[in-house]
Amino acid sequence: MQAITVNPSVAQLIENRQPVQQRTDADALRAPLPRKAQRPDASRMLVHTLRRALNSDCLMNMGQVIATPIGSVTADVVLESNGRRVALLVGESAAQREAVLLVYGAFDAIFRVSALDASQCALAVVSLLETSEPQLFKAHRTARLASLTSVRRVHTGRTTLMAEGWDGRMTATLHRRRINRHGEWVQDFEQAVGQPKGRRQAS
């Protein structure tokens, strides 16, 4: 774990990130469990759809807990392949949680999807993730081909990806933060670690 100052150097944070160490059973007992309201379970359908579309080299871990200066933060789904490491969060936006998790979890990118989209539009969500992270998925674009029945077009913005249905409505939205685009997270990160210790909390 690297030392963090109130005004961290973005370049230093990126350069000094170390791979996350596996927790021992003793660590698991000491780490406080986040409240259920703050840590929604990833939709079973989303996980099932994701598992079918990932390439054989991609590892998927569920509910990975990361220790941070604001407390333990949980990444609902973690995907790793060929040195690429991304997290998928399900639920409401929590800007400081996401920014701190991005750095301390040693993630290249973090994606957030609403619980409603995760449960009702799993195929569209996986298709959006595949658009952004093609190296994690099978070469023949399983999710994107399968989603053609419901997704007409994918709109890709700087921090948001949206799936447009054949009726012209947006069927699913994916929000992302990337470690190499510091403008997407550094302000939230500095606010999180700059708070007095008594007011820090994972959200």
N, C-alpha and C. Protein backbone atom coordinates (compact mmCIF):
# COMPACT_ATOMS: atom_id res chain seq x y z
N MET A 1 0.85 -1.18 0.00
CA MET A 1 0.00 0.00 0.00
C MET A 1 0.89 1.23 0.00
N GLN A 2 0.66 2.13 -0.91
CA GLN A 2 1.50 3.31 -1.00
C GLN A 2 1.05 4.40 -0.04
N ALA A 3 1.98 5.33 0.26
CA ALA A 3 1.62 6.46 1.11
C ALA A 3 0.82 7.45 0.28
N ILE A 4 -0.21 8.01 0.88
CA ILE A 4 -1.07 8.96 0.19
C ILE A 4 -1.03 10.28 0.93
N THR A 5 -0.89 11.36 0.20
CA THR A 5 -0.93 12.69 0.80
C THR A 5 -2.27 13.33 0.46
N VAL A 6 -2.55 14.47 1.08
CA VAL A 6 -3.81 15.16 0.80
C VAL A 6 -3.87 15.58 -0.66
N ASN A 7 -2.75 15.98 -1.22
CA ASN A 7 -2.68 16.36 -2.63
C ASN A 7 -1.73 15.42 -3.37
N PRO A 8 -2.20 14.24 -3.69
CA PRO A 8 -1.30 13.24 -4.30
C PRO A 8 -0.93 13.60 -5.72
N SER A 9 0.23 13.11 -6.14
CA SER A 9 0.64 13.26 -7.53
C SER A 9 0.01 12.12 -8.31
N VAL A 10 -0.77 12.46 -9.32
CA VAL A 10 -1.46 11.43 -10.11
C VAL A 10 -0.45 10.49 -10.75
N ALA A 11 0.61 11.04 -11.33
CA ALA A 11 1.63 10.22 -11.98
C ALA A 11 2.24 9.25 -10.98
N GLN A 12 2.49 9.72 -9.76
CA GLN A 12 3.08 8.86 -8.74
C GLN A 12 2.13 7.75 -8.32
N LEU A 13 0.84 8.09 -8.19
CA LEU A 13 -0.14 7.07 -7.82
C LEU A 13 -0.18 5.95 -8.85
N ILE A 14 -0.21 6.34 -10.12
CA ILE A 14 -0.29 5.35 -11.18
C ILE A 14 0.98 4.50 -11.22
N GLU A 15 2.13 5.15 -11.06
CA GLU A 15 3.41 4.45 -11.14
C GLU A 15 3.62 3.51 -9.96
N ASN A 16 3.16 3.93 -8.77
CA ASN A 16 3.43 3.16 -7.56
C ASN A 16 2.37 2.13 -7.19
N ARG A 17 1.31 2.04 -7.99
CA ARG A 17 0.29 1.05 -7.66
C ARG A 17 0.90 -0.33 -7.63
N GLN A 18 0.58 -1.09 -6.59
CA GLN A 18 1.09 -2.45 -6.47
C GLN A 18 -0.06 -3.42 -6.59
N PRO A 19 0.21 -4.64 -7.09
CA PRO A 19 -0.87 -5.63 -7.18
C PRO A 19 -1.49 -5.88 -5.82
N VAL A 20 -2.78 -6.11 -5.80
CA VAL A 20 -3.48 -6.36 -4.55
C VAL A 20 -3.07 -7.71 -3.99
N GLN A 21 -2.75 -7.75 -2.69
CA GLN A 21 -2.37 -9.01 -2.05
C GLN A 21 -3.62 -9.75 -1.61
N GLN A 22 -3.55 -11.08 -1.67
CA GLN A 22 -4.67 -11.88 -1.21
C GLN A 22 -4.80 -11.77 0.30
N ARG A 23 -6.04 -11.61 0.80
CA ARG A 23 -6.25 -11.51 2.23
C ARG A 23 -6.18 -12.89 2.87
N THR A 24 -5.68 -12.93 4.11
CA THR A 24 -5.69 -14.17 4.87
C THR A 24 -7.02 -14.28 5.58
N ASP A 25 -7.29 -15.45 6.19
CA ASP A 25 -8.52 -15.62 6.95
C ASP A 25 -8.59 -14.64 8.11
N ALA A 26 -7.42 -14.37 8.74
CA ALA A 26 -7.39 -13.42 9.85
C ALA A 26 -7.76 -12.02 9.38
N ASP A 27 -7.28 -11.65 8.21
CA ASP A 27 -7.62 -10.34 7.64
C ASP A 27 -9.12 -10.25 7.39
N ALA A 28 -9.70 -11.33 6.90
CA ALA A 28 -11.12 -11.34 6.60
C ALA A 28 -11.94 -11.14 7.87
N LEU A 29 -11.46 -11.72 8.99
CA LEU A 29 -12.18 -11.56 10.25
C LEU A 29 -12.10 -10.14 10.78
N ARG A 30 -10.94 -9.46 10.55
CA ARG A 30 -10.76 -8.10 11.04
C ARG A 30 -11.47 -7.07 10.18
N ALA A 31 -11.62 -7.35 8.89
CA ALA A 31 -12.20 -6.36 7.97
C ALA A 31 -13.70 -6.23 8.21
N PRO A 32 -14.18 -4.99 8.42
CA PRO A 32 -15.61 -4.82 8.63
C PRO A 32 -16.38 -5.12 7.35
N LEU A 33 -17.52 -5.78 7.49
CA LEU A 33 -18.34 -6.09 6.32
C LEU A 33 -19.21 -4.89 6.00
N PRO A 34 -19.19 -4.44 4.73
CA PRO A 34 -20.06 -3.32 4.36
C PRO A 34 -21.52 -3.70 4.53
N ARG A 35 -22.37 -2.71 4.86
CA ARG A 35 -23.80 -2.96 5.00
C ARG A 35 -24.38 -3.40 3.67
N LYS A 36 -25.41 -4.26 3.73
CA LYS A 36 -26.01 -4.80 2.51
C LYS A 36 -26.56 -3.69 1.63
N ALA A 37 -27.09 -2.64 2.23
CA ALA A 37 -27.68 -1.56 1.44
C ALA A 37 -26.62 -0.85 0.60
N GLN A 38 -25.38 -0.91 1.07
CA GLN A 38 -24.30 -0.25 0.34
C GLN A 38 -23.61 -1.19 -0.63
N ARG A 39 -23.88 -2.47 -0.52
CA ARG A 39 -23.16 -3.45 -1.32
C ARG A 39 -24.15 -4.40 -1.99
N PRO A 40 -24.84 -3.94 -3.04
CA PRO A 40 -25.82 -4.80 -3.68
C PRO A 40 -25.14 -5.98 -4.36
N ASP A 41 -25.78 -7.12 -4.32
CA ASP A 41 -25.24 -8.29 -5.00
C ASP A 41 -25.39 -8.11 -6.51
N ALA A 42 -24.36 -8.55 -7.23
CA ALA A 42 -24.44 -8.49 -8.69
C ALA A 42 -25.54 -9.45 -9.14
N SER A 43 -26.33 -9.04 -10.09
CA SER A 43 -27.42 -9.86 -10.60
C SER A 43 -26.90 -11.20 -11.08
N ARG A 44 -27.63 -12.26 -10.73
CA ARG A 44 -27.22 -13.59 -11.18
C ARG A 44 -27.22 -13.68 -12.70
N MET A 45 -28.22 -13.07 -13.33
CA MET A 45 -28.29 -13.11 -14.79
C MET A 45 -27.11 -12.38 -15.42
N LEU A 46 -26.71 -11.25 -14.82
CA LEU A 46 -25.56 -10.50 -15.33
C LEU A 46 -24.29 -11.34 -15.22
N VAL A 47 -24.09 -11.96 -14.07
CA VAL A 47 -22.90 -12.79 -13.87
C VAL A 47 -22.90 -13.97 -14.83
N HIS A 48 -24.05 -14.61 -14.99
CA HIS A 48 -24.16 -15.76 -15.89
C HIS A 48 -23.85 -15.34 -17.34
N THR A 49 -24.42 -14.22 -17.77
CA THR A 49 -24.20 -13.73 -19.13
C THR A 49 -22.74 -13.34 -19.33
N LEU A 50 -22.16 -12.71 -18.34
CA LEU A 50 -20.76 -12.30 -18.40
C LEU A 50 -19.84 -13.50 -18.50
N ARG A 51 -20.11 -14.50 -17.68
CA ARG A 51 -19.26 -15.71 -17.65
C ARG A 51 -19.24 -16.40 -19.02
N ARG A 52 -20.37 -16.43 -19.70
CA ARG A 52 -20.44 -17.09 -21.01
C ARG A 52 -19.69 -16.33 -22.10
N ALA A 53 -19.54 -15.01 -21.92
CA ALA A 53 -18.93 -14.19 -22.97
C ALA A 53 -17.43 -13.98 -22.79
N LEU A 54 -16.89 -14.19 -21.57
CA LEU A 54 -15.48 -13.93 -21.30
C LEU A 54 -14.59 -14.95 -21.99
N ASN A 55 -13.36 -14.52 -22.32
CA ASN A 55 -12.42 -15.48 -22.92
C ASN A 55 -11.92 -16.44 -21.85
N SER A 56 -11.36 -17.54 -22.27
CA SER A 56 -10.98 -18.61 -21.33
C SER A 56 -9.86 -18.20 -20.39
N ASP A 57 -9.08 -17.18 -20.74
CA ASP A 57 -7.98 -16.73 -19.89
C ASP A 57 -8.42 -15.72 -18.83
N CYS A 58 -9.64 -15.24 -18.92
CA CYS A 58 -10.11 -14.19 -18.02
C CYS A 58 -10.61 -14.78 -16.70
N LEU A 59 -10.06 -14.30 -15.60
CA LEU A 59 -10.49 -14.73 -14.27
C LEU A 59 -11.57 -13.79 -13.76
N MET A 60 -12.61 -14.35 -13.16
CA MET A 60 -13.68 -13.54 -12.59
C MET A 60 -13.80 -13.86 -11.10
N ASN A 61 -13.69 -12.81 -10.27
CA ASN A 61 -13.83 -12.94 -8.82
C ASN A 61 -15.02 -12.11 -8.37
N MET A 62 -15.77 -12.63 -7.42
CA MET A 62 -16.96 -11.95 -6.92
C MET A 62 -16.70 -11.37 -5.53
N GLY A 63 -17.21 -10.17 -5.29
CA GLY A 63 -17.18 -9.57 -3.96
C GLY A 63 -15.80 -9.39 -3.37
N GLN A 64 -14.87 -8.87 -4.14
CA GLN A 64 -13.50 -8.67 -3.64
C GLN A 64 -13.45 -7.42 -2.76
N VAL A 65 -12.98 -7.59 -1.52
CA VAL A 65 -12.91 -6.49 -0.56
C VAL A 65 -11.52 -5.88 -0.59
N ILE A 66 -11.47 -4.54 -0.76
CA ILE A 66 -10.20 -3.81 -0.85
C ILE A 66 -10.09 -2.88 0.34
N ALA A 67 -8.96 -2.93 1.07
CA ALA A 67 -8.72 -2.01 2.18
C ALA A 67 -8.28 -0.67 1.63
N THR A 68 -8.89 0.42 2.09
CA THR A 68 -8.56 1.77 1.63
C THR A 68 -8.53 2.71 2.83
N PRO A 69 -8.03 3.93 2.66
CA PRO A 69 -8.01 4.88 3.79
C PRO A 69 -9.40 5.25 4.29
N ILE A 70 -10.45 5.04 3.50
CA ILE A 70 -11.80 5.38 3.94
C ILE A 70 -12.55 4.13 4.41
N GLY A 71 -11.85 3.03 4.56
CA GLY A 71 -12.47 1.78 5.01
C GLY A 71 -12.48 0.74 3.91
N SER A 72 -13.02 -0.42 4.22
CA SER A 72 -13.10 -1.50 3.24
C SER A 72 -14.14 -1.17 2.18
N VAL A 73 -13.76 -1.36 0.92
CA VAL A 73 -14.66 -1.11 -0.19
C VAL A 73 -14.73 -2.40 -1.02
N THR A 74 -15.94 -2.76 -1.44
CA THR A 74 -16.13 -4.01 -2.17
C THR A 74 -16.34 -3.77 -3.65
N ALA A 75 -15.59 -4.51 -4.46
CA ALA A 75 -15.82 -4.55 -5.91
C ALA A 75 -16.70 -5.76 -6.17
N ASP A 76 -17.88 -5.55 -6.74
CA ASP A 76 -18.83 -6.65 -6.91
C ASP A 76 -18.30 -7.74 -7.83
N VAL A 77 -17.73 -7.35 -8.97
CA VAL A 77 -17.15 -8.32 -9.91
C VAL A 77 -15.78 -7.79 -10.35
N VAL A 78 -14.76 -8.64 -10.29
CA VAL A 78 -13.41 -8.27 -10.73
C VAL A 78 -13.01 -9.19 -11.87
N LEU A 79 -12.57 -8.60 -12.97
CA LEU A 79 -12.13 -9.36 -14.15
C LEU A 79 -10.65 -9.10 -14.39
N GLU A 80 -9.88 -10.18 -14.62
CA GLU A 80 -8.44 -10.07 -14.86
C GLU A 80 -8.03 -10.94 -16.03
N SER A 81 -7.28 -10.35 -16.95
CA SER A 81 -6.78 -11.10 -18.10
C SER A 81 -5.60 -10.38 -18.72
N ASN A 82 -4.49 -11.11 -18.91
CA ASN A 82 -3.30 -10.57 -19.59
C ASN A 82 -2.84 -9.24 -19.01
N GLY A 83 -2.81 -9.14 -17.68
CA GLY A 83 -2.35 -7.93 -17.03
C GLY A 83 -3.38 -6.83 -16.94
N ARG A 84 -4.55 -7.03 -17.52
CA ARG A 84 -5.63 -6.05 -17.46
C ARG A 84 -6.55 -6.41 -16.30
N ARG A 85 -6.91 -5.42 -15.49
CA ARG A 85 -7.70 -5.67 -14.28
C ARG A 85 -8.80 -4.61 -14.20
N VAL A 86 -10.06 -5.05 -14.25
CA VAL A 86 -11.18 -4.12 -14.20
C VAL A 86 -12.20 -4.60 -13.17
N ALA A 87 -12.99 -3.64 -12.65
CA ALA A 87 -14.02 -3.97 -11.67
C ALA A 87 -15.37 -3.50 -12.18
N LEU A 88 -16.40 -4.24 -11.80
CA LEU A 88 -17.78 -3.87 -12.12
C LEU A 88 -18.52 -3.69 -10.80
N LEU A 89 -19.12 -2.50 -10.63
CA LEU A 89 -19.89 -2.18 -9.43
C LEU A 89 -21.37 -2.13 -9.81
N VAL A 90 -22.21 -2.68 -8.96
CA VAL A 90 -23.64 -2.67 -9.21
C VAL A 90 -24.32 -1.82 -8.15
N GLY A 91 -25.08 -0.81 -8.57
CA GLY A 91 -25.81 0.01 -7.61
C GLY A 91 -25.66 1.49 -7.87
N GLU A 92 -26.01 2.28 -6.85
CA GLU A 92 -26.00 3.73 -6.97
C GLU A 92 -24.58 4.27 -7.04
N SER A 93 -24.44 5.45 -7.64
CA SER A 93 -23.15 6.11 -7.76
C SER A 93 -22.62 6.50 -6.38
N ALA A 94 -21.33 6.26 -6.17
CA ALA A 94 -20.63 6.69 -4.96
C ALA A 94 -19.25 7.15 -5.42
N ALA A 95 -19.15 8.42 -5.79
CA ALA A 95 -17.97 8.94 -6.48
C ALA A 95 -16.67 8.71 -5.72
N GLN A 96 -16.66 9.00 -4.42
CA GLN A 96 -15.42 8.85 -3.66
C GLN A 96 -15.04 7.38 -3.50
N ARG A 97 -16.05 6.54 -3.29
CA ARG A 97 -15.80 5.09 -3.19
C ARG A 97 -15.14 4.59 -4.47
N GLU A 98 -15.68 4.99 -5.60
CA GLU A 98 -15.16 4.52 -6.88
C GLU A 98 -13.73 5.00 -7.12
N ALA A 99 -13.45 6.28 -6.80
CA ALA A 99 -12.13 6.84 -7.04
C ALA A 99 -11.07 6.15 -6.17
N VAL A 100 -11.39 5.93 -4.89
CA VAL A 100 -10.44 5.29 -3.99
C VAL A 100 -10.25 3.82 -4.36
N LEU A 101 -11.34 3.15 -4.73
CA LEU A 101 -11.25 1.75 -5.15
C LEU A 101 -10.40 1.61 -6.39
N LEU A 102 -10.51 2.55 -7.32
CA LEU A 102 -9.73 2.52 -8.55
C LEU A 102 -8.24 2.48 -8.25
N VAL A 103 -7.80 3.34 -7.32
CA VAL A 103 -6.37 3.43 -7.00
C VAL A 103 -5.91 2.28 -6.12
N TYR A 104 -6.59 2.04 -5.00
CA TYR A 104 -6.14 1.02 -4.05
C TYR A 104 -6.42 -0.40 -4.51
N GLY A 105 -7.36 -0.56 -5.41
CA GLY A 105 -7.63 -1.89 -5.95
C GLY A 105 -6.72 -2.24 -7.11
N ALA A 106 -5.88 -1.28 -7.51
CA ALA A 106 -4.97 -1.48 -8.66
C ALA A 106 -5.74 -1.87 -9.91
N PHE A 107 -6.85 -1.15 -10.16
CA PHE A 107 -7.66 -1.42 -11.34
C PHE A 107 -7.27 -0.50 -12.49
N ASP A 108 -7.36 -1.01 -13.69
CA ASP A 108 -7.17 -0.19 -14.88
C ASP A 108 -8.43 0.61 -15.17
N ALA A 109 -9.57 0.05 -14.82
CA ALA A 109 -10.85 0.74 -15.03
C ALA A 109 -11.89 0.18 -14.08
N ILE A 110 -12.85 1.05 -13.75
CA ILE A 110 -14.00 0.64 -12.93
C ILE A 110 -15.26 1.01 -13.70
N PHE A 111 -16.20 0.09 -13.74
CA PHE A 111 -17.48 0.31 -14.41
C PHE A 111 -18.59 0.20 -13.37
N ARG A 112 -19.60 1.06 -13.50
CA ARG A 112 -20.75 1.01 -12.61
C ARG A 112 -22.02 0.91 -13.41
N VAL A 113 -22.91 0.03 -12.96
CA VAL A 113 -24.20 -0.17 -13.61
C VAL A 113 -25.28 -0.16 -12.54
N SER A 114 -26.46 0.33 -12.87
CA SER A 114 -27.55 0.34 -11.89
C SER A 114 -28.03 -1.09 -11.63
N ALA A 115 -28.62 -1.29 -10.45
CA ALA A 115 -29.15 -2.61 -10.11
C ALA A 115 -30.26 -3.02 -11.08
N LEU A 116 -31.04 -2.05 -11.52
CA LEU A 116 -32.14 -2.33 -12.45
C LEU A 116 -31.59 -2.82 -13.80
N ASP A 117 -30.58 -2.12 -14.34
CA ASP A 117 -29.99 -2.55 -15.61
C ASP A 117 -29.31 -3.91 -15.47
N ALA A 118 -28.67 -4.14 -14.32
CA ALA A 118 -27.99 -5.42 -14.10
C ALA A 118 -28.96 -6.58 -14.10
N SER A 119 -30.16 -6.36 -13.54
CA SER A 119 -31.12 -7.46 -13.44
C SER A 119 -32.00 -7.61 -14.68
N GLN A 120 -32.30 -6.49 -15.36
CA GLN A 120 -33.25 -6.55 -16.48
C GLN A 120 -32.60 -6.44 -17.86
N CYS A 121 -31.38 -5.95 -17.94
CA CYS A 121 -30.74 -5.73 -19.25
C CYS A 121 -29.32 -6.31 -19.26
N ALA A 122 -29.17 -7.50 -18.70
CA ALA A 122 -27.84 -8.09 -18.53
C ALA A 122 -27.09 -8.22 -19.85
N LEU A 123 -27.77 -8.64 -20.90
CA LEU A 123 -27.12 -8.83 -22.20
C LEU A 123 -26.60 -7.50 -22.75
N ALA A 124 -27.40 -6.45 -22.62
CA ALA A 124 -26.97 -5.13 -23.09
C ALA A 124 -25.79 -4.62 -22.27
N VAL A 125 -25.80 -4.85 -20.96
CA VAL A 125 -24.71 -4.41 -20.09
C VAL A 125 -23.41 -5.12 -20.48
N VAL A 126 -23.48 -6.44 -20.68
CA VAL A 126 -22.28 -7.19 -21.06
C VAL A 126 -21.79 -6.75 -22.43
N SER A 127 -22.70 -6.44 -23.33
CA SER A 127 -22.33 -5.94 -24.65
C SER A 127 -21.58 -4.61 -24.55
N LEU A 128 -22.04 -3.73 -23.65
CA LEU A 128 -21.35 -2.46 -23.44
C LEU A 128 -19.95 -2.68 -22.86
N LEU A 129 -19.84 -3.60 -21.91
CA LEU A 129 -18.55 -3.89 -21.31
C LEU A 129 -17.60 -4.48 -22.35
N GLU A 130 -18.13 -5.31 -23.22
CA GLU A 130 -17.34 -5.91 -24.29
C GLU A 130 -16.84 -4.84 -25.27
N THR A 131 -17.67 -3.82 -25.51
CA THR A 131 -17.26 -2.73 -26.39
C THR A 131 -16.06 -1.98 -25.83
N SER A 132 -16.05 -1.78 -24.50
CA SER A 132 -14.98 -1.04 -23.85
C SER A 132 -13.74 -1.88 -23.56
N GLU A 133 -13.94 -3.15 -23.26
CA GLU A 133 -12.82 -4.04 -22.86
C GLU A 133 -12.79 -5.30 -23.73
N PRO A 134 -12.60 -5.17 -25.05
CA PRO A 134 -12.69 -6.34 -25.94
C PRO A 134 -11.68 -7.45 -25.63
N GLN A 135 -10.53 -7.09 -25.04
CA GLN A 135 -9.51 -8.09 -24.76
C GLN A 135 -9.92 -9.09 -23.69
N LEU A 136 -10.96 -8.78 -22.92
CA LEU A 136 -11.43 -9.70 -21.88
C LEU A 136 -12.41 -10.74 -22.42
N PHE A 137 -12.87 -10.54 -23.64
CA PHE A 137 -13.96 -11.36 -24.18
C PHE A 137 -13.50 -12.26 -25.31
N LYS A 138 -14.35 -13.24 -25.64
CA LYS A 138 -14.06 -14.17 -26.73
C LYS A 138 -13.92 -13.40 -28.04
N ALA A 139 -13.08 -13.92 -28.91
CA ALA A 139 -12.77 -13.21 -30.17
C ALA A 139 -13.98 -13.02 -31.06
N HIS A 140 -14.97 -13.93 -31.00
CA HIS A 140 -16.11 -13.82 -31.91
C HIS A 140 -17.24 -12.96 -31.35
N ARG A 141 -16.96 -12.15 -30.31
CA ARG A 141 -17.91 -11.14 -29.83
C ARG A 141 -19.27 -11.74 -29.45
N THR A 142 -19.23 -12.72 -28.57
CA THR A 142 -20.45 -13.43 -28.16
C THR A 142 -21.56 -12.50 -27.69
N ALA A 143 -21.23 -11.61 -26.76
CA ALA A 143 -22.27 -10.75 -26.18
C ALA A 143 -22.83 -9.79 -27.21
N ARG A 144 -21.96 -9.23 -28.03
CA ARG A 144 -22.44 -8.23 -28.99
C ARG A 144 -23.35 -8.86 -30.04
N LEU A 145 -23.00 -10.04 -30.50
CA LEU A 145 -23.83 -10.73 -31.49
C LEU A 145 -25.17 -11.13 -30.87
N ALA A 146 -25.13 -11.64 -29.64
CA ALA A 146 -26.35 -12.08 -28.98
C ALA A 146 -27.28 -10.91 -28.66
N SER A 147 -26.70 -9.72 -28.46
CA SER A 147 -27.52 -8.57 -28.08
C SER A 147 -28.19 -7.89 -29.26
N LEU A 148 -27.89 -8.33 -30.47
CA LEU A 148 -28.45 -7.66 -31.65
C LEU A 148 -29.97 -7.68 -31.68
N THR A 149 -30.58 -8.61 -30.98
CA THR A 149 -32.04 -8.65 -30.94
C THR A 149 -32.62 -7.50 -30.13
N SER A 150 -31.83 -6.96 -29.20
CA SER A 150 -32.35 -5.88 -28.34
C SER A 150 -31.56 -4.58 -28.45
N VAL A 151 -30.29 -4.65 -28.90
CA VAL A 151 -29.45 -3.45 -28.97
C VAL A 151 -29.21 -3.07 -30.42
N ARG A 152 -29.67 -1.88 -30.78
CA ARG A 152 -29.49 -1.40 -32.15
C ARG A 152 -28.13 -0.73 -32.33
N ARG A 153 -27.72 0.04 -31.33
CA ARG A 153 -26.49 0.83 -31.45
C ARG A 153 -25.90 1.07 -30.06
N VAL A 154 -24.56 1.17 -30.00
CA VAL A 154 -23.86 1.50 -28.75
C VAL A 154 -23.31 2.91 -28.88
N HIS A 155 -23.63 3.75 -27.89
CA HIS A 155 -23.12 5.11 -27.85
C HIS A 155 -21.98 5.15 -26.84
N THR A 156 -20.79 5.55 -27.28
CA THR A 156 -19.62 5.57 -26.41
C THR A 156 -19.17 7.00 -26.16
N GLY A 157 -19.23 7.41 -24.89
CA GLY A 157 -18.76 8.72 -24.49
C GLY A 157 -17.49 8.59 -23.67
N ARG A 158 -17.00 9.72 -23.15
CA ARG A 158 -15.76 9.69 -22.37
C ARG A 158 -15.91 8.85 -21.11
N THR A 159 -17.01 9.02 -20.39
CA THR A 159 -17.22 8.28 -19.14
C THR A 159 -18.50 7.45 -19.13
N THR A 160 -19.26 7.49 -20.20
CA THR A 160 -20.54 6.78 -20.24
C THR A 160 -20.71 6.00 -21.53
N LEU A 161 -21.19 4.76 -21.41
CA LEU A 161 -21.54 3.95 -22.57
C LEU A 161 -23.03 3.63 -22.46
N MET A 162 -23.78 3.79 -23.56
CA MET A 162 -25.22 3.53 -23.54
C MET A 162 -25.62 2.62 -24.69
N ALA A 163 -26.54 1.70 -24.40
CA ALA A 163 -27.08 0.81 -25.42
C ALA A 163 -28.44 1.33 -25.85
N GLU A 164 -28.59 1.55 -27.14
CA GLU A 164 -29.86 2.02 -27.70
C GLU A 164 -30.63 0.85 -28.27
N GLY A 165 -31.89 0.73 -27.84
CA GLY A 165 -32.72 -0.35 -28.34
C GLY A 165 -33.30 -0.03 -29.71
N TRP A 166 -33.97 -0.99 -30.32
CA TRP A 166 -34.56 -0.81 -31.65
C TRP A 166 -35.72 0.17 -31.64
N ASP A 167 -36.24 0.46 -30.44
CA ASP A 167 -37.32 1.45 -30.35
C ASP A 167 -36.78 2.86 -30.13
N GLY A 168 -35.44 3.01 -30.12
CA GLY A 168 -34.82 4.32 -29.94
C GLY A 168 -34.56 4.70 -28.50
N ARG A 169 -35.02 3.88 -27.56
CA ARG A 169 -34.79 4.16 -26.15
C ARG A 169 -33.46 3.57 -25.69
N MET A 170 -32.89 4.17 -24.64
CA MET A 170 -31.65 3.64 -24.06
C MET A 170 -32.02 2.48 -23.14
N THR A 171 -31.46 1.30 -23.42
CA THR A 171 -31.83 0.11 -22.65
C THR A 171 -30.90 -0.13 -21.46
N ALA A 172 -29.67 0.35 -21.52
CA ALA A 172 -28.72 0.16 -20.41
C ALA A 172 -27.63 1.22 -20.49
N THR A 173 -27.10 1.57 -19.33
CA THR A 173 -26.03 2.57 -19.25
C THR A 173 -24.92 2.04 -18.37
N LEU A 174 -23.69 2.26 -18.80
CA LEU A 174 -22.50 1.85 -18.05
C LEU A 174 -21.63 3.08 -17.85
N HIS A 175 -21.24 3.35 -16.60
CA HIS A 175 -20.37 4.49 -16.28
C HIS A 175 -18.97 3.95 -16.00
N ARG A 176 -17.93 4.65 -16.46
CA ARG A 176 -16.58 4.14 -16.24
C ARG A 176 -15.62 5.23 -15.77
N ARG A 177 -14.59 4.77 -15.06
CA ARG A 177 -13.46 5.60 -14.64
C ARG A 177 -12.20 4.81 -14.99
N ARG A 178 -11.23 5.49 -15.61
CA ARG A 178 -10.00 4.82 -16.02
C ARG A 178 -8.81 5.44 -15.32
N ILE A 179 -7.88 4.60 -14.87
CA ILE A 179 -6.74 5.08 -14.10
C ILE A 179 -5.86 6.02 -14.94
N ASN A 180 -5.80 5.80 -16.24
CA ASN A 180 -4.94 6.64 -17.09
C ASN A 180 -5.63 7.93 -17.55
N ARG A 181 -6.86 8.16 -17.09
CA ARG A 181 -7.57 9.41 -17.37
C ARG A 181 -7.87 10.06 -16.02
N HIS A 182 -6.86 10.73 -15.47
CA HIS A 182 -6.98 11.21 -14.09
C HIS A 182 -8.10 12.23 -13.90
N GLY A 183 -8.50 12.90 -14.96
CA GLY A 183 -9.60 13.84 -14.84
C GLY A 183 -10.91 13.18 -14.45
N GLU A 184 -11.01 11.86 -14.63
CA GLU A 184 -12.24 11.13 -14.32
C GLU A 184 -12.36 10.77 -12.84
N TRP A 185 -11.24 10.91 -12.07
CA TRP A 185 -11.31 10.43 -10.69
C TRP A 185 -10.51 11.22 -9.66
N VAL A 186 -9.53 12.02 -10.07
CA VAL A 186 -8.60 12.58 -9.08
C VAL A 186 -9.27 13.54 -8.09
N GLN A 187 -10.22 14.33 -8.52
CA GLN A 187 -10.88 15.27 -7.61
C GLN A 187 -11.65 14.53 -6.51
N ASP A 188 -12.38 13.48 -6.89
CA ASP A 188 -13.10 12.67 -5.91
C ASP A 188 -12.13 11.95 -4.98
N PHE A 189 -11.00 11.50 -5.52
CA PHE A 189 -9.99 10.81 -4.72
C PHE A 189 -9.42 11.75 -3.66
N GLU A 190 -9.05 12.95 -4.07
CA GLU A 190 -8.46 13.91 -3.14
C GLU A 190 -9.45 14.31 -2.05
N GLN A 191 -10.72 14.44 -2.41
CA GLN A 191 -11.74 14.76 -1.41
C GLN A 191 -11.88 13.62 -0.40
N ALA A 192 -11.81 12.40 -0.88
CA ALA A 192 -11.97 11.24 0.00
C ALA A 192 -10.82 11.13 1.00
N VAL A 193 -9.58 11.20 0.52
CA VAL A 193 -8.44 11.01 1.42
C VAL A 193 -8.10 12.28 2.18
N GLY A 194 -8.66 13.42 1.78
CA GLY A 194 -8.39 14.68 2.46
C GLY A 194 -9.30 14.96 3.63
N GLN A 195 -10.33 14.13 3.81
CA GLN A 195 -11.24 14.33 4.94
C GLN A 195 -10.58 13.92 6.24
N PRO A 196 -10.96 14.57 7.37
CA PRO A 196 -10.45 14.10 8.67
C PRO A 196 -10.81 12.64 8.88
N LYS A 197 -9.95 11.91 9.59
CA LYS A 197 -10.13 10.47 9.75
C LYS A 197 -11.51 10.10 10.29
N GLY A 198 -12.03 10.89 11.21
CA GLY A 198 -13.33 10.58 11.81
C GLY A 198 -14.48 10.67 10.83
N ARG A 199 -14.27 11.39 9.71
CA ARG A 199 -15.37 11.57 8.76
C ARG A 199 -15.21 10.68 7.53
N ARG A 200 -14.11 9.94 7.43
CA ARG A 200 -13.91 9.06 6.29
C ARG A 200 -14.77 7.81 6.44
N GLN A 201 -15.40 7.44 5.34
CA GLN A 201 -16.13 6.17 5.35
C GLN A 201 -16.33 5.71 3.91
N ALA A 202 -16.31 4.40 3.77
CA ALA A 202 -16.58 3.84 2.44
C ALA A 202 -18.06 3.99 2.18
N SER A 203 -18.40 4.34 0.96
CA SER A 203 -19.81 4.52 0.65
C SER A 203 -20.28 3.52 -0.37
